[in-house]
PDB file of all heavy atoms in Angstrom:
ATOM      1  N   TYR A   1     -70.193-152.055-290.110  1.00  0.00           N
ATOM      2  CA  TYR A   1     -71.070-151.705-291.227  1.00  0.00           C
ATOM      3  C   TYR A   1     -72.254-150.835-290.782  1.00  0.00           C
ATOM      4  O   TYR A   1     -73.127-150.527-291.591  1.00  0.00           O
ATOM      5  CB  TYR A   1     -71.593-152.976-291.895  1.00  0.00           C
ATOM      6  CG  TYR A   1     -70.494-153.887-292.395  1.00  0.00           C
ATOM      7  CD1 TYR A   1     -70.400-155.210-291.952  1.00  0.00           C
ATOM      8  CD2 TYR A   1     -69.523-153.435-293.288  1.00  0.00           C
ATOM      9  CE1 TYR A   1     -69.381-156.050-292.396  1.00  0.00           C
ATOM     10  CE2 TYR A   1     -68.507-154.267-293.737  1.00  0.00           C
ATOM     11  CZ  TYR A   1     -68.445-155.574-293.284  1.00  0.00           C
ATOM     12  OH  TYR A   1     -67.442-156.402-293.724  1.00  0.00           O
ATOM     13  N   THR A   2     -72.301-150.449-289.518  1.00  0.00           N
ATOM     14  CA  THR A   2     -73.397-149.623-288.997  1.00  0.00           C
ATOM     15  C   THR A   2     -73.241-148.192-289.507  1.00  0.00           C
ATOM     16  O   THR A   2     -72.126-147.662-289.587  1.00  0.00           O
ATOM     17  CB  THR A   2     -73.377-149.622-287.459  1.00  0.00           C
ATOM     18  OG1 THR A   2     -73.477-150.957-286.991  1.00  0.00           O
ATOM     19  CG2 THR A   2     -74.534-148.798-286.893  1.00  0.00           C
ATOM     20  N   ASP A   3     -74.375-147.542-289.869  1.00  0.00           N
ATOM     21  CA  ASP A   3     -74.318-146.132-290.256  1.00  0.00           C
ATOM     22  C   ASP A   3     -73.688-145.325-289.117  1.00  0.00           C
ATOM     23  O   ASP A   3     -74.074-145.475-287.944  1.00  0.00           O
ATOM     24  CB  ASP A   3     -75.723-145.593-290.536  1.00  0.00           C
ATOM     25  CG  ASP A   3     -76.290-146.109-291.858  1.00  0.00           C
ATOM     26  OD1 ASP A   3     -75.499-146.597-292.691  1.00  0.00           O
ATOM     27  OD2 ASP A   3     -77.515-146.019-292.046  1.00  0.00           O
ATOM     28  N   ILE A   4     -72.743-144.455-289.453  1.00  0.00           N
ATOM     29  CA  ILE A   4     -72.046-143.688-288.427  1.00  0.00           C
ATOM     30  C   ILE A   4     -73.018-142.861-287.598  1.00  0.00           C
ATOM     31  O   ILE A   4     -72.843-142.710-286.380  1.00  0.00           O
ATOM     32  CB  ILE A   4     -70.954-142.804-289.075  1.00  0.00           C
ATOM     33  CG1 ILE A   4     -69.830-143.707-289.643  1.00  0.00           C
ATOM     34  CG2 ILE A   4     -70.372-141.815-288.062  1.00  0.00           C
ATOM     35  CD1 ILE A   4     -68.748-142.958-290.393  1.00  0.00           C
ATOM     36  N   ASP A   5     -74.088-142.356-288.242  1.00  0.00           N
ATOM     37  CA  ASP A   5     -75.077-141.557-287.509  1.00  0.00           C
ATOM     38  C   ASP A   5     -75.803-142.364-286.448  1.00  0.00           C
ATOM     39  O   ASP A   5     -76.375-141.780-285.512  1.00  0.00           O
ATOM     40  CB  ASP A   5     -76.101-140.968-288.484  1.00  0.00           C
ATOM     41  CG  ASP A   5     -75.475-139.912-289.401  1.00  0.00           C
ATOM     42  OD1 ASP A   5     -74.386-139.405-289.066  1.00  0.00           O
ATOM     43  OD2 ASP A   5     -76.079-139.605-290.447  1.00  0.00           O
ATOM     44  N   GLU A   6     -75.805-143.691-286.577  1.00  0.00           N
ATOM     45  CA  GLU A   6     -76.497-144.553-285.611  1.00  0.00           C
ATOM     46  C   GLU A   6     -75.654-144.851-284.380  1.00  0.00           C
ATOM     47  O   GLU A   6     -76.172-145.336-283.366  1.00  0.00           O
ATOM     48  CB  GLU A   6     -76.891-145.881-286.289  1.00  0.00           C
ATOM     49  CG  GLU A   6     -77.913-145.741-287.403  1.00  0.00           C
ATOM     50  CD  GLU A   6     -79.278-145.317-286.866  1.00  0.00           C
ATOM     51  OE1 GLU A   6     -79.685-145.844-285.810  1.00  0.00           O
ATOM     52  OE2 GLU A   6     -79.901-144.438-287.489  1.00  0.00           O
ATOM     53  N   LEU A   7     -74.354-144.597-284.445  1.00  0.00           N
ATOM     54  CA  LEU A   7     -73.461-145.015-283.374  1.00  0.00           C
ATOM     55  C   LEU A   7     -73.752-144.312-282.050  1.00  0.00           C
ATOM     56  O   LEU A   7     -73.526-144.891-280.973  1.00  0.00           O
ATOM     57  CB  LEU A   7     -71.999-144.779-283.781  1.00  0.00           C
ATOM     58  CG  LEU A   7     -71.486-145.646-284.937  1.00  0.00           C
ATOM     59  CD1 LEU A   7     -70.050-145.277-285.290  1.00  0.00           C
ATOM     60  CD2 LEU A   7     -71.579-147.128-284.592  1.00  0.00           C
ATOM     61  N   ALA A   8     -74.254-143.095-282.106  1.00  0.00           N
ATOM     62  CA  ALA A   8     -74.565-142.365-280.874  1.00  0.00           C
ATOM     63  C   ALA A   8     -75.646-143.062-280.062  1.00  0.00           C
ATOM     64  O   ALA A   8     -75.755-142.844-278.848  1.00  0.00           O
ATOM     65  CB  ALA A   8     -74.987-140.936-281.202  1.00  0.00           C
ATOM     66  N   ARG A   9     -76.458-143.918-280.709  1.00  0.00           N
ATOM     67  CA  ARG A   9     -77.566-144.584-280.026  1.00  0.00           C
ATOM     68  C   ARG A   9     -77.257-146.028-279.646  1.00  0.00           C
ATOM     69  O   ARG A   9     -78.129-146.767-279.195  1.00  0.00           O
ATOM     70  CB  ARG A   9     -78.819-144.531-280.916  1.00  0.00           C
ATOM     71  CG  ARG A   9     -79.377-143.133-281.051  1.00  0.00           C
ATOM     72  CD  ARG A   9     -80.644-143.112-281.883  1.00  0.00           C
ATOM     73  NE  ARG A   9     -80.370-143.237-283.306  1.00  0.00           N
ATOM     74  CZ  ARG A   9     -80.012-142.214-284.085  1.00  0.00           C
ATOM     75  NH1 ARG A   9     -79.865-141.009-283.572  1.00  0.00           N
ATOM     76  NH2 ARG A   9     -79.791-142.403-285.370  1.00  0.00           N
ATOM     77  N   VAL A  10     -76.012-146.435-279.805  1.00  0.00           N
ATOM     78  CA  VAL A  10     -75.613-147.802-279.457  1.00  0.00           C
ATOM     79  C   VAL A  10     -75.773-148.032-277.947  1.00  0.00           C
ATOM     80  O   VAL A  10     -75.428-147.182-277.135  1.00  0.00           O
ATOM     81  CB  VAL A  10     -74.150-148.044-279.881  1.00  0.00           C
ATOM     82  CG1 VAL A  10     -73.544-149.245-279.177  1.00  0.00           C
ATOM     83  CG2 VAL A  10     -74.059-148.221-281.393  1.00  0.00           C
ATOM     84  N   THR A  11     -76.284-149.206-277.586  1.00  0.00           N
ATOM     85  CA  THR A  11     -76.464-149.559-276.167  1.00  0.00           C
ATOM     86  C   THR A  11     -75.298-150.435-275.695  1.00  0.00           C
ATOM     87  O   THR A  11     -74.603-151.060-276.510  1.00  0.00           O
ATOM     88  CB  THR A  11     -77.763-150.339-275.963  1.00  0.00           C
ATOM     89  OG1 THR A  11     -77.647-151.615-276.620  1.00  0.00           O
ATOM     90  CG2 THR A  11     -78.953-149.576-276.524  1.00  0.00           C
ATOM     91  N   PRO A  12     -75.094-150.514-274.376  1.00  0.00           N
ATOM     92  CA  PRO A  12     -74.053-151.424-273.871  1.00  0.00           C
ATOM     93  C   PRO A  12     -74.262-152.865-274.330  1.00  0.00           C
ATOM     94  O   PRO A  12     -73.286-153.550-274.670  1.00  0.00           O
ATOM     95  CB  PRO A  12     -74.186-151.287-272.353  1.00  0.00           C
ATOM     96  CG  PRO A  12     -74.671-149.888-272.156  1.00  0.00           C
ATOM     97  CD  PRO A  12     -75.636-149.655-273.288  1.00  0.00           C
ATOM     98  N   ALA A  13     -75.500-153.336-274.352  1.00  0.00           N
ATOM     99  CA  ALA A  13     -75.758-154.723-274.780  1.00  0.00           C
ATOM    100  C   ALA A  13     -75.298-154.943-276.216  1.00  0.00           C
ATOM    101  O   ALA A  13     -74.759-156.000-276.560  1.00  0.00           O
ATOM    102  CB  ALA A  13     -77.242-155.041-274.631  1.00  0.00           C
ATOM    103  N   GLN A  14     -75.509-153.964-277.082  1.00  0.00           N
ATOM    104  CA  GLN A  14     -75.062-154.084-278.472  1.00  0.00           C
ATOM    105  C   GLN A  14     -73.542-154.027-278.566  1.00  0.00           C
ATOM    106  O   GLN A  14     -72.931-154.753-279.349  1.00  0.00           O
ATOM    107  CB  GLN A  14     -75.678-152.958-279.309  1.00  0.00           C
ATOM    108  CG  GLN A  14     -77.177-153.056-279.499  1.00  0.00           C
ATOM    109  CD  GLN A  14     -77.755-151.811-280.152  1.00  0.00           C
ATOM    110  OE1 GLN A  14     -77.378-150.679-279.807  1.00  0.00           O
ATOM    111  NE2 GLN A  14     -78.654-152.000-281.110  1.00  0.00           N
ATOM    112  N   ALA A  15     -72.930-153.174-277.755  1.00  0.00           N
ATOM    113  CA  ALA A  15     -71.480-152.986-277.833  1.00  0.00           C
ATOM    114  C   ALA A  15     -70.701-154.199-277.356  1.00  0.00           C
ATOM    115  O   ALA A  15     -69.592-154.459-277.846  1.00  0.00           O
ATOM    116  CB  ALA A  15     -71.075-151.749-277.035  1.00  0.00           C
ATOM    117  N   VAL A  16     -71.242-154.941-276.401  1.00  0.00           N
ATOM    118  CA  VAL A  16     -70.498-156.100-275.875  1.00  0.00           C
ATOM    119  C   VAL A  16     -70.748-157.364-276.689  1.00  0.00           C
ATOM    120  O   VAL A  16     -70.110-158.397-276.434  1.00  0.00           O
ATOM    121  CB  VAL A  16     -70.833-156.369-274.385  1.00  0.00           C
ATOM    122  CG1 VAL A  16     -70.500-155.162-273.542  1.00  0.00           C
ATOM    123  CG2 VAL A  16     -72.286-156.775-274.205  1.00  0.00           C
ATOM    124  N   ALA A  17     -71.630-157.297-277.673  1.00  0.00           N
ATOM    125  CA  ALA A  17     -71.953-158.480-278.488  1.00  0.00           C
ATOM    126  C   ALA A  17     -70.968-158.604-279.639  1.00  0.00           C
ATOM    127  O   ALA A  17     -71.279-158.301-280.803  1.00  0.00           O
ATOM    128  CB  ALA A  17     -73.384-158.388-279.002  1.00  0.00           C
ATOM    129  N   HIS A  18     -69.743-159.032-279.326  1.00  0.00           N
ATOM    130  CA  HIS A  18     -68.717-159.162-280.367  1.00  0.00           C
ATOM    131  C   HIS A  18     -69.061-160.289-281.318  1.00  0.00           C
ATOM    132  O   HIS A  18     -69.496-161.365-280.893  1.00  0.00           O
ATOM    133  CB  HIS A  18     -67.340-159.410-279.741  1.00  0.00           C
ATOM    134  CG  HIS A  18     -66.219-159.161-280.695  1.00  0.00           C
ATOM    135  ND1 HIS A  18     -65.849-160.066-281.657  1.00  0.00           N
ATOM    136  CD2 HIS A  18     -65.404-158.082-280.851  1.00  0.00           C
ATOM    137  CE1 HIS A  18     -64.848-159.570-282.363  1.00  0.00           C
ATOM    138  NE2 HIS A  18     -64.552-158.372-281.887  1.00  0.00           N
ATOM    139  N   PRO A  19     -68.903-160.070-282.637  1.00  0.00           N
ATOM    140  CA  PRO A  19     -69.300-161.094-283.603  1.00  0.00           C
ATOM    141  C   PRO A  19     -68.418-162.340-283.628  1.00  0.00           C
ATOM    142  O   PRO A  19     -68.849-163.385-284.105  1.00  0.00           O
ATOM    143  CB  PRO A  19     -69.212-160.352-284.950  1.00  0.00           C
ATOM    144  CG  PRO A  19     -68.238-159.242-284.707  1.00  0.00           C
ATOM    145  CD  PRO A  19     -68.419-158.831-283.278  1.00  0.00           C
ATOM    146  N   ASN A  20     -67.185-162.253-283.118  1.00  0.00           N
ATOM    147  CA  ASN A  20     -66.244-163.372-283.260  1.00  0.00           C
ATOM    148  C   ASN A  20     -65.691-163.896-281.944  1.00  0.00           C
ATOM    149  O   ASN A  20     -65.508-165.102-281.790  1.00  0.00           O
ATOM    150  CB  ASN A  20     -65.061-162.966-284.140  1.00  0.00           C
ATOM    151  CG  ASN A  20     -65.479-162.519-285.524  1.00  0.00           C
ATOM    152  OD1 ASN A  20     -66.553-162.868-285.999  1.00  0.00           O
ATOM    153  ND2 ASN A  20     -64.649-161.731-286.190  1.00  0.00           N
ATOM    154  N   TRP A  21     -65.382-163.008-281.014  1.00  0.00           N
ATOM    155  CA  TRP A  21     -64.658-163.381-279.803  1.00  0.00           C
ATOM    156  C   TRP A  21     -65.577-163.377-278.591  1.00  0.00           C
ATOM    157  O   TRP A  21     -66.505-162.573-278.508  1.00  0.00           O
ATOM    158  CB  TRP A  21     -63.508-162.406-279.535  1.00  0.00           C
ATOM    159  CG  TRP A  21     -62.415-162.431-280.542  1.00  0.00           C
ATOM    160  CD1 TRP A  21     -62.307-161.651-281.656  1.00  0.00           C
ATOM    161  CD2 TRP A  21     -61.257-163.263-280.546  1.00  0.00           C
ATOM    162  NE1 TRP A  21     -61.149-161.947-282.342  1.00  0.00           N
ATOM    163  CE2 TRP A  21     -60.489-162.939-281.687  1.00  0.00           C
ATOM    164  CE3 TRP A  21     -60.779-164.254-279.673  1.00  0.00           C
ATOM    165  CZ2 TRP A  21     -59.284-163.566-281.984  1.00  0.00           C
ATOM    166  CZ3 TRP A  21     -59.567-164.870-279.986  1.00  0.00           C
ATOM    167  CH2 TRP A  21     -58.847-164.534-281.116  1.00  0.00           C
ATOM    168  N   SER A  22     -65.287-164.255-277.626  1.00  0.00           N
ATOM    169  CA  SER A  22     -65.957-164.236-276.327  1.00  0.00           C
ATOM    170  C   SER A  22     -65.025-163.568-275.327  1.00  0.00           C
ATOM    171  O   SER A  22     -63.967-164.122-274.991  1.00  0.00           O
ATOM    172  CB  SER A  22     -66.286-165.664-275.880  1.00  0.00           C
ATOM    173  OG  SER A  22     -66.828-165.676-274.586  1.00  0.00           O
ATOM    174  N   MET A  23     -65.404-162.361-274.862  1.00  0.00           N
ATOM    175  CA  MET A  23     -64.501-161.570-274.016  1.00  0.00           C
ATOM    176  C   MET A  23     -65.304-160.900-272.909  1.00  0.00           C
ATOM    177  O   MET A  23     -66.534-160.894-272.922  1.00  0.00           O
ATOM    178  CB  MET A  23     -63.799-160.496-274.857  1.00  0.00           C
ATOM    179  CG  MET A  23     -63.034-161.043-276.056  1.00  0.00           C
ATOM    180  SD  MET A  23     -62.209-159.737-277.013  1.00  0.00           S
ATOM    181  CE  MET A  23     -63.626-158.870-277.705  1.00  0.00           C
ATOM    182  N   GLY A  24     -64.604-160.290-271.967  1.00  0.00           N
ATOM    183  CA  GLY A  24     -65.257-159.527-270.917  1.00  0.00           C
ATOM    184  C   GLY A  24     -65.874-158.244-271.454  1.00  0.00           C
ATOM    185  O   GLY A  24     -65.592-157.825-272.592  1.00  0.00           O
ATOM    186  N   ALA A  25     -66.681-157.580-270.624  1.00  0.00           N
ATOM    187  CA  ALA A  25     -67.428-156.403-271.072  1.00  0.00           C
ATOM    188  C   ALA A  25     -66.510-155.248-271.480  1.00  0.00           C
ATOM    189  O   ALA A  25     -66.710-154.622-272.532  1.00  0.00           O
ATOM    190  CB  ALA A  25     -68.383-155.945-269.964  1.00  0.00           C
ATOM    191  N   LYS A  26     -65.478-154.968-270.678  1.00  0.00           N
ATOM    192  CA  LYS A  26     -64.627-153.819-270.970  1.00  0.00           C
ATOM    193  C   LYS A  26     -63.890-153.994-272.295  1.00  0.00           C
ATOM    194  O   LYS A  26     -63.900-153.104-273.149  1.00  0.00           O
ATOM    195  CB  LYS A  26     -63.638-153.619-269.820  1.00  0.00           C
ATOM    196  CG  LYS A  26     -62.951-152.250-269.809  1.00  0.00           C
ATOM    197  CD  LYS A  26     -61.643-152.244-270.573  1.00  0.00           C
ATOM    198  CE  LYS A  26     -60.974-150.874-270.499  1.00  0.00           C
ATOM    199  NZ  LYS A  26     -59.718-150.825-271.290  1.00  0.00           N
ATOM    200  N   ILE A  27     -63.255-155.146-272.488  1.00  0.00           N
ATOM    201  CA  ILE A  27     -62.506-155.364-273.727  1.00  0.00           C
ATOM    202  C   ILE A  27     -63.448-155.454-274.925  1.00  0.00           C
ATOM    203  O   ILE A  27     -63.081-155.071-276.047  1.00  0.00           O
ATOM    204  CB  ILE A  27     -61.608-156.627-273.624  1.00  0.00           C
ATOM    205  CG1 ILE A  27     -60.724-156.796-274.859  1.00  0.00           C
ATOM    206  CG2 ILE A  27     -62.432-157.880-273.404  1.00  0.00           C
ATOM    207  CD1 ILE A  27     -59.739-155.691-275.070  1.00  0.00           C
ATOM    208  N   SER A  28     -64.680-155.905-274.706  1.00  0.00           N
ATOM    209  CA  SER A  28     -65.651-155.953-275.809  1.00  0.00           C
ATOM    210  C   SER A  28     -66.032-154.554-276.272  1.00  0.00           C
ATOM    211  O   SER A  28     -66.149-154.285-277.472  1.00  0.00           O
ATOM    212  CB  SER A  28     -66.902-156.734-275.388  1.00  0.00           C
ATOM    213  OG  SER A  28     -66.588-158.091-275.146  1.00  0.00           O
ATOM    214  N   VAL A  29     -66.231-153.632-275.316  1.00  0.00           N
ATOM    215  CA  VAL A  29     -66.508-152.240-275.692  1.00  0.00           C
ATOM    216  C   VAL A  29     -65.290-151.634-276.382  1.00  0.00           C
ATOM    217  O   VAL A  29     -65.414-150.922-277.388  1.00  0.00           O
ATOM    218  CB  VAL A  29     -66.915-151.406-274.461  1.00  0.00           C
ATOM    219  CG1 VAL A  29     -67.079-149.926-274.844  1.00  0.00           C
ATOM    220  CG2 VAL A  29     -68.204-151.927-273.862  1.00  0.00           C
ATOM    221  N   ASP A  30     -64.103-151.921-275.856  1.00  0.00           N
ATOM    222  CA  ASP A  30     -62.882-151.426-276.484  1.00  0.00           C
ATOM    223  C   ASP A  30     -62.751-151.928-277.920  1.00  0.00           C
ATOM    224  O   ASP A  30     -62.235-151.217-278.792  1.00  0.00           O
ATOM    225  CB  ASP A  30     -61.654-151.864-275.686  1.00  0.00           C
ATOM    226  CG  ASP A  30     -61.443-151.040-274.421  1.00  0.00           C
ATOM    227  OD1 ASP A  30     -62.136-150.021-274.255  1.00  0.00           O
ATOM    228  OD2 ASP A  30     -60.585-151.434-273.607  1.00  0.00           O
ATOM    229  N   SER A  31     -63.204-153.150-278.174  1.00  0.00           N
ATOM    230  CA  SER A  31     -63.182-153.679-279.534  1.00  0.00           C
ATOM    231  C   SER A  31     -64.192-152.948-280.416  1.00  0.00           C
ATOM    232  O   SER A  31     -63.927-152.660-281.577  1.00  0.00           O
ATOM    233  CB  SER A  31     -63.483-155.179-279.517  1.00  0.00           C
ATOM    234  OG  SER A  31     -63.484-155.702-280.826  1.00  0.00           O
ATOM    235  N   ALA A  32     -65.355-152.638-279.838  1.00  0.00           N
ATOM    236  CA  ALA A  32     -66.392-151.939-280.599  1.00  0.00           C
ATOM    237  C   ALA A  32     -65.937-150.532-280.997  1.00  0.00           C
ATOM    238  O   ALA A  32     -66.245-150.056-282.093  1.00  0.00           O
ATOM    239  CB  ALA A  32     -67.685-151.867-279.784  1.00  0.00           C
ATOM    240  N   THR A  33     -65.199-149.847-280.104  1.00  0.00           N
ATOM    241  CA  THR A  33     -64.677-148.510-280.431  1.00  0.00           C
ATOM    242  C   THR A  33     -63.361-148.590-281.201  1.00  0.00           C
ATOM    243  O   THR A  33     -62.889-147.589-281.728  1.00  0.00           O
ATOM    244  CB  THR A  33     -64.418-147.678-279.167  1.00  0.00           C
ATOM    245  OG1 THR A  33     -63.341-148.247-278.422  1.00  0.00           O
ATOM    246  CG2 THR A  33     -65.669-147.587-278.299  1.00  0.00           C
ATOM    247  N   MET A  34     -62.763-149.759-281.220  1.00  0.00           N
ATOM    248  CA  MET A  34     -61.455-150.054-281.796  1.00  0.00           C
ATOM    249  C   MET A  34     -60.313-149.371-281.052  1.00  0.00           C
ATOM    250  O   MET A  34     -59.187-149.343-281.548  1.00  0.00           O
ATOM    251  CB  MET A  34     -61.379-149.749-283.297  1.00  0.00           C
ATOM    252  CG  MET A  34     -61.861-150.941-284.140  1.00  0.00           C
ATOM    253  SD  MET A  34     -61.315-150.920-285.855  1.00  0.00           S
ATOM    254  CE  MET A  34     -59.667-151.647-285.723  1.00  0.00           C
ATOM    255  N   ILE A  35     -60.577-148.858-279.843  1.00  0.00           N
ATOM    256  CA  ILE A  35     -59.431-148.368-279.073  1.00  0.00           C
ATOM    257  C   ILE A  35     -58.565-149.547-278.648  1.00  0.00           C
ATOM    258  O   ILE A  35     -57.365-149.382-278.407  1.00  0.00           O
ATOM    259  CB  ILE A  35     -59.854-147.528-277.846  1.00  0.00           C
ATOM    260  CG1 ILE A  35     -58.642-146.711-277.365  1.00  0.00           C
ATOM    261  CG2 ILE A  35     -60.418-148.411-276.728  1.00  0.00           C
ATOM    262  CD1 ILE A  35     -58.951-145.665-276.350  1.00  0.00           C
ATOM    263  N   ASN A  36     -59.158-150.742-278.572  1.00  0.00           N
ATOM    264  CA  ASN A  36     -58.325-151.903-278.249  1.00  0.00           C
ATOM    265  C   ASN A  36     -57.216-152.059-279.287  1.00  0.00           C
ATOM    266  O   ASN A  36     -56.077-152.393-278.965  1.00  0.00           O
ATOM    267  CB  ASN A  36     -59.151-153.180-278.134  1.00  0.00           C
ATOM    268  CG  ASN A  36     -59.569-153.735-279.482  1.00  0.00           C
ATOM    269  OD1 ASN A  36     -60.070-152.990-280.332  1.00  0.00           O
ATOM    270  ND2 ASN A  36     -59.391-155.023-279.704  1.00  0.00           N
TER     271      ASN A  36
END
């Protein structure tokens, strides 16, 4: 639900904070980008 224009300023700490799952850092970022 984040404004698309805000995504360029996302930090690693924000990207790894998955709302539902507890996962490692790499897979959490992959979930945030949805490449997972």
